[in-house]
Amino acid sequence: MTPATACTDELLLETPEEGVALVRLNRPAATNALSLSLQQALSHTFDALSQDPAVRAIVLTGGDKVFAAGGDIKSMDDCGPIEIMQRHTERVWAPIERCPKPIIAAVCGYAFGGGAELAMHADIIIAGTSASFAQPEIRIGIMPGIGGTQRLVRAVGKFNAMRILLTGKPIGAEEARLMGLVSQVVADDQVVDEAIKMAALIAAMPPLAAQQIKEVVLAGVDASLETALMLERKANQLLFATRDQKEGMQAFIEKRRPKFEGR
């Protein structure tokens, strides 16, 4: 693994494998609470990674003890509604939401509040056995504001989402997996390595195909089945114009390993 490169003191960026970016939250003393500066660093980093052709998959983690224990409550305590509105968190988080590259969240320990919402911005969530997820905002008189109600209900259904949102109680990794919130549960000391391994596998795939799969899945989930199937057909047809499609099929016929260039 290459040495970590600090984007800021609060966020580290590494390249553990070819084509893989590892983004690590780095506020251990504050349990990786999502300060405004950390959110800005995430925004700038994902914007840059989205535009970097060398990056084909991204792993997002908080480390081996905690993913992120929510928003920075102290920065919100005295805020009024206009100040909260003017923060425009939807703009800050947009580069993560709109990132065309596959994102894997590697979650150990707490993923609470904004931390759970951040994990739900990923395409795949790999959790350690100690991981737990919660939307505890109701306990301090507010509610999720970065997609927690909407992404959660799409992941786990109305009845599970309502229980999590209205009680504020955490759920463990295995229960989250059974609900459909978590893709895979592994031992805590294997979470980041497993996420990097999966990201490297994805990075070795044709990147245009990976990006089209992500785009169609996300665009189609709220569309009618007829519209979603049309999006799928058009994206599939488009990929037949790529050099990677020719390379992939020719390599299959010739029984050799393909080399995908993203063209």
Protein backbone atom coordinates (compact mmCIF):
# COMPACT_ATOMS: atom_id res chain seq x y z
CA MET A 1 0.00 0.00 0.00
CA THR A 2 1.36 3.40 -0.87
CA PRO A 3 1.81 5.95 1.92
CA ALA A 4 -1.22 8.04 2.78
CA THR A 5 -1.44 11.46 1.23
CA ALA A 6 -3.30 14.00 3.35
CA CYS A 7 -5.99 15.93 1.51
CA THR A 8 -6.47 17.82 4.78
CA ASP A 9 -5.73 16.87 8.36
CA GLU A 10 -9.26 15.42 8.48
CA LEU A 11 -9.15 13.32 5.32
CA LEU A 12 -6.52 10.96 3.92
CA LEU A 13 -6.25 9.66 0.37
CA GLU A 14 -4.33 6.53 -0.65
CA THR A 15 -3.86 4.39 -3.75
CA PRO A 16 -3.67 0.83 -2.38
CA GLU A 17 -4.10 -0.86 -5.78
CA GLU A 18 -3.99 0.22 -9.38
CA GLY A 19 -7.18 2.04 -10.23
CA VAL A 20 -8.37 2.11 -6.60
CA ALA A 21 -8.63 5.22 -4.41
CA LEU A 22 -8.96 4.78 -0.65
CA VAL A 23 -10.58 7.75 1.10
CA ARG A 24 -10.19 7.66 4.89
CA LEU A 25 -11.98 9.92 7.37
CA ASN A 26 -9.39 11.09 9.90
CA ARG A 27 -10.98 12.66 12.98
CA PRO A 28 -10.44 9.81 15.46
CA ALA A 29 -10.61 12.06 18.53
CA ALA A 30 -14.08 13.19 17.41
CA THR A 31 -15.23 9.71 16.27
CA ASN A 32 -15.04 11.04 12.69
CA ALA A 33 -17.91 13.47 13.28
CA LEU A 34 -18.71 15.16 10.00
CA SER A 35 -17.54 18.72 10.62
CA LEU A 36 -18.21 21.32 7.95
CA SER A 37 -14.54 21.25 6.98
CA LEU A 38 -14.55 17.45 6.68
CA GLN A 39 -17.67 17.58 4.52
CA GLN A 40 -15.99 20.15 2.28
CA ALA A 41 -12.89 17.95 2.03
CA LEU A 42 -15.04 14.97 1.04
CA SER A 43 -16.79 17.11 -1.56
CA HIS A 44 -13.56 18.33 -3.15
CA THR A 45 -11.97 14.88 -3.03
CA PHE A 46 -14.88 13.10 -4.70
CA ASP A 47 -15.10 15.82 -7.32
CA ALA A 48 -11.43 15.26 -8.17
CA LEU A 49 -11.72 11.46 -8.12
CA SER A 50 -14.75 11.59 -10.41
CA GLN A 51 -12.66 13.39 -13.02
CA ASP A 52 -9.49 11.29 -12.63
CA PRO A 53 -9.36 8.65 -15.40
CA ALA A 54 -6.80 6.65 -13.41
CA VAL A 55 -9.39 6.01 -10.68
CA ARG A 56 -11.88 3.26 -11.47
CA ALA A 57 -13.25 2.40 -8.01
CA ILE A 58 -13.30 4.13 -4.63
CA VAL A 59 -13.21 2.75 -1.09
CA LEU A 60 -14.54 5.02 1.66
CA THR A 61 -13.72 4.19 5.27
CA GLY A 62 -13.33 5.71 8.70
CA GLY A 63 -10.78 3.21 9.93
CA ASP A 64 -10.94 0.09 12.06
CA LYS A 65 -12.72 1.57 15.11
CA VAL A 66 -15.45 3.90 13.85
CA PHE A 67 -16.85 4.87 10.47
CA ALA A 68 -18.51 8.16 11.41
CA ALA A 69 -20.57 8.91 14.48
CA GLY A 70 -22.76 11.51 12.80
CA GLY A 71 -22.81 15.24 12.26
CA ASP A 72 -20.95 17.76 14.38
CA ILE A 73 -23.73 18.59 16.86
CA LYS A 74 -21.78 21.44 18.48
CA SER A 75 -21.71 23.28 15.17
CA MET A 76 -25.52 23.06 14.90
CA ASP A 77 -26.62 23.72 18.48
CA ASP A 78 -27.30 27.45 18.09
CA CYS A 79 -28.26 27.43 14.41
CA GLY A 80 -31.54 28.72 13.08
CA PRO A 81 -33.35 27.37 10.03
CA ILE A 82 -31.98 30.00 7.65
CA GLU A 83 -28.38 29.26 8.64
CA ILE A 84 -28.97 25.53 8.16
CA MET A 85 -30.57 26.22 4.77
CA GLN A 86 -27.66 28.43 3.72
CA ARG A 87 -25.17 25.67 4.41
CA HIS A 88 -26.56 23.94 1.29
CA THR A 89 -25.42 20.49 2.33
CA GLU A 90 -27.08 19.12 -0.80
CA ARG A 91 -24.44 20.94 -2.85
CA VAL A 92 -21.59 19.79 -0.59
CA TRP A 93 -22.64 16.15 -0.84
CA ALA A 94 -23.50 16.29 -4.55
CA PRO A 95 -20.04 15.14 -5.77
CA ILE A 96 -20.42 11.96 -3.69
CA GLU A 97 -24.01 11.39 -4.80
CA ARG A 98 -23.16 11.99 -8.46
CA CYS A 99 -19.79 10.24 -8.53
CA PRO A 100 -19.81 8.01 -11.64
CA LYS A 101 -17.23 5.59 -10.18
CA PRO A 102 -18.35 2.62 -8.05
CA ILE A 103 -18.00 3.42 -4.33
CA ILE A 104 -17.53 0.80 -1.61
CA ALA A 105 -18.08 1.85 2.01
CA ALA A 106 -15.92 -0.13 4.46
CA VAL A 107 -17.68 0.23 7.81
CA CYS A 108 -16.30 -0.69 11.21
CA GLY A 109 -17.89 0.48 14.46
CA TYR A 110 -20.45 3.25 14.51
CA ALA A 111 -22.14 4.59 11.38
CA PHE A 112 -24.67 6.88 13.04
CA GLY A 113 -26.68 9.80 11.72
CA GLY A 114 -24.67 11.52 9.01
CA GLY A 115 -22.27 8.58 9.11
CA ALA A 116 -25.02 6.18 8.10
CA GLU A 117 -26.16 8.63 5.44
CA LEU A 118 -22.59 8.85 4.12
CA ALA A 119 -22.36 5.04 3.94
CA MET A 120 -25.66 4.95 2.05
CA HIS A 121 -24.13 7.16 -0.64
CA ALA A 122 -21.96 4.15 -1.54
CA ASP A 123 -22.91 1.47 -4.03
CA ILE A 124 -21.70 -1.42 -1.89
CA ILE A 125 -21.36 -1.57 1.91
CA ILE A 126 -18.97 -4.03 3.52
CA ALA A 127 -19.36 -4.07 7.30
CA GLY A 128 -17.35 -5.52 10.14
CA THR A 129 -19.06 -7.71 12.70
CA SER A 130 -18.89 -4.83 15.21
CA ALA A 131 -20.49 -2.32 12.86
CA SER A 132 -23.77 -0.71 13.80
CA PHE A 133 -26.03 1.68 11.94
CA ALA A 134 -28.48 4.23 13.30
CA GLN A 135 -30.42 7.36 12.47
CA PRO A 136 -30.69 8.82 15.99
CA GLU A 137 -31.61 12.38 14.94
CA ILE A 138 -35.09 12.09 16.46
CA ARG A 139 -33.50 11.86 19.90
CA ILE A 140 -32.26 15.44 19.63
CA GLY A 141 -35.42 16.83 18.11
CA ILE A 142 -34.51 16.76 14.42
CA MET A 143 -34.54 14.25 11.57
CA PRO A 144 -32.10 13.07 8.90
CA GLY A 145 -31.33 15.79 6.37
CA ILE A 146 -28.79 14.22 3.99
CA GLY A 147 -30.97 11.50 2.51
CA GLY A 148 -31.39 9.27 5.56
CA THR A 149 -35.15 8.90 5.24
CA GLN A 150 -35.17 8.45 1.48
CA ARG A 151 -32.17 6.18 0.92
CA LEU A 152 -32.97 4.06 3.96
CA VAL A 153 -36.56 3.32 2.90
CA ARG A 154 -35.33 2.38 -0.57
CA ALA A 155 -32.77 0.02 0.92
CA VAL A 156 -34.75 -1.72 3.67
CA GLY A 157 -38.44 -0.96 2.99
CA LYS A 158 -40.97 1.16 4.85
CA PHE A 159 -41.44 -0.89 8.00
CA ASN A 160 -37.76 -1.45 8.78
CA ALA A 161 -36.96 2.17 7.92
CA MET A 162 -39.71 3.51 10.17
CA ARG A 163 -38.44 1.46 13.12
CA ILE A 164 -34.89 2.75 12.66
CA LEU A 165 -35.94 6.37 12.10
CA LEU A 166 -38.62 6.65 14.80
CA THR A 167 -36.78 4.85 17.62
CA GLY A 168 -33.28 6.08 16.89
CA LYS A 169 -32.00 2.67 18.01
CA PRO A 170 -29.00 1.13 16.24
CA ILE A 171 -29.00 -2.13 14.35
CA GLY A 172 -26.04 -4.49 14.08
CA ALA A 173 -24.18 -5.50 10.97
CA GLU A 174 -25.87 -8.85 10.46
CA GLU A 175 -29.36 -7.44 10.93
CA ALA A 176 -28.45 -4.66 8.48
CA ARG A 177 -27.33 -7.30 5.99
CA LEU A 178 -30.57 -9.24 6.33
CA MET A 179 -32.53 -6.00 5.77
CA GLY A 180 -30.60 -5.24 2.61
CA LEU A 181 -28.62 -2.27 3.92
CA VAL A 182 -25.27 -4.11 4.00
CA SER A 183 -23.80 -6.14 1.14
CA GLN A 184 -21.38 -8.30 3.12
CA VAL A 185 -20.27 -8.83 6.73
CA VAL A 186 -16.68 -9.85 7.50
CA ALA A 187 -14.39 -9.82 10.53
CA ASP A 188 -13.48 -6.31 11.66
CA ASP A 189 -9.81 -6.73 10.79
CA GLN A 190 -10.70 -7.77 7.24
CA VAL A 191 -13.14 -4.99 6.32
CA VAL A 192 -10.79 -2.54 4.61
CA ASP A 193 -8.75 -5.30 2.96
CA GLU A 194 -11.92 -6.96 1.64
CA ALA A 195 -13.20 -3.64 0.33
CA ILE A 196 -9.89 -2.94 -1.42
CA LYS A 197 -9.90 -6.45 -2.88
CA MET A 198 -13.42 -5.96 -4.26
CA ALA A 199 -12.55 -2.48 -5.54
CA ALA A 200 -9.49 -3.88 -7.32
CA LEU A 201 -11.70 -6.52 -8.96
CA ILE A 202 -14.11 -3.81 -10.14
CA ALA A 203 -11.21 -1.58 -11.26
CA ALA A 204 -10.03 -4.41 -13.53
CA MET A 205 -13.41 -4.42 -15.29
CA PRO A 206 -14.15 -2.14 -18.27
CA PRO A 207 -14.76 1.23 -16.57
CA LEU A 208 -17.32 2.49 -19.08
CA ALA A 209 -19.45 -0.60 -18.50
CA ALA A 210 -19.14 -0.19 -14.72
CA GLN A 211 -20.18 3.44 -14.94
CA GLN A 212 -23.14 2.65 -17.20
CA ILE A 213 -24.31 -0.09 -14.83
CA LYS A 214 -24.20 2.33 -11.89
CA GLU A 215 -25.97 5.08 -13.84
CA VAL A 216 -28.76 2.82 -15.07
CA VAL A 217 -29.35 1.19 -11.68
CA LEU A 218 -29.62 4.54 -9.91
CA ALA A 219 -31.70 6.19 -12.64
CA GLY A 220 -33.99 3.21 -13.06
CA VAL A 221 -34.80 2.51 -9.43
CA ASP A 222 -37.42 5.27 -9.26
CA ALA A 223 -38.62 4.94 -12.85
CA SER A 224 -41.33 2.67 -14.17
CA LEU A 225 -40.13 -0.79 -15.17
CA GLU A 226 -40.79 0.02 -18.82
CA THR A 227 -38.68 3.19 -18.65
CA ALA A 228 -35.94 1.49 -16.67
CA LEU A 229 -35.72 -1.35 -19.18
CA MET A 230 -35.46 1.19 -21.98
CA LEU A 231 -32.56 2.89 -20.15
CA GLU A 232 -30.89 -0.50 -19.76
CA ARG A 233 -31.25 -1.33 -23.47
CA LYS A 234 -29.88 2.03 -24.58
CA ALA A 235 -26.88 1.78 -22.25
CA ASN A 236 -26.17 -1.77 -23.43
CA GLN A 237 -26.38 -0.66 -27.06
CA LEU A 238 -24.05 2.27 -26.36
CA LEU A 239 -21.36 -0.02 -24.95
CA PHE A 240 -21.11 -1.78 -28.32
CA ALA A 241 -19.46 1.41 -29.57
CA THR A 242 -16.56 1.02 -27.12
CA ARG A 243 -13.14 -0.45 -27.77
CA ASP A 244 -13.44 -2.27 -24.45
CA GLN A 245 -16.43 -4.23 -25.75
CA LYS A 246 -14.40 -5.37 -28.75
CA GLU A 247 -11.44 -6.22 -26.52
CA GLY A 248 -13.58 -8.08 -23.98
CA MET A 249 -15.34 -10.27 -26.51
CA GLN A 250 -12.18 -10.93 -28.52
CA ALA A 251 -10.29 -11.89 -25.37
CA PHE A 252 -13.12 -14.25 -24.41
CA ILE A 253 -12.97 -15.93 -27.83
CA GLU A 254 -9.18 -16.16 -27.71
CA LYS A 255 -9.24 -17.39 -24.09
CA ARG A 256 -6.90 -14.69 -22.80
CA ARG A 257 -7.08 -11.98 -20.15
CA PRO A 258 -8.59 -8.74 -21.53
CA LYS A 259 -6.93 -5.36 -21.11
CA PHE A 260 -9.54 -2.65 -20.70
CA GLU A 261 -8.62 0.97 -21.42
CA GLY A 262 -11.84 2.78 -20.69
CA ARG A 263 -12.41 3.69 -24.35
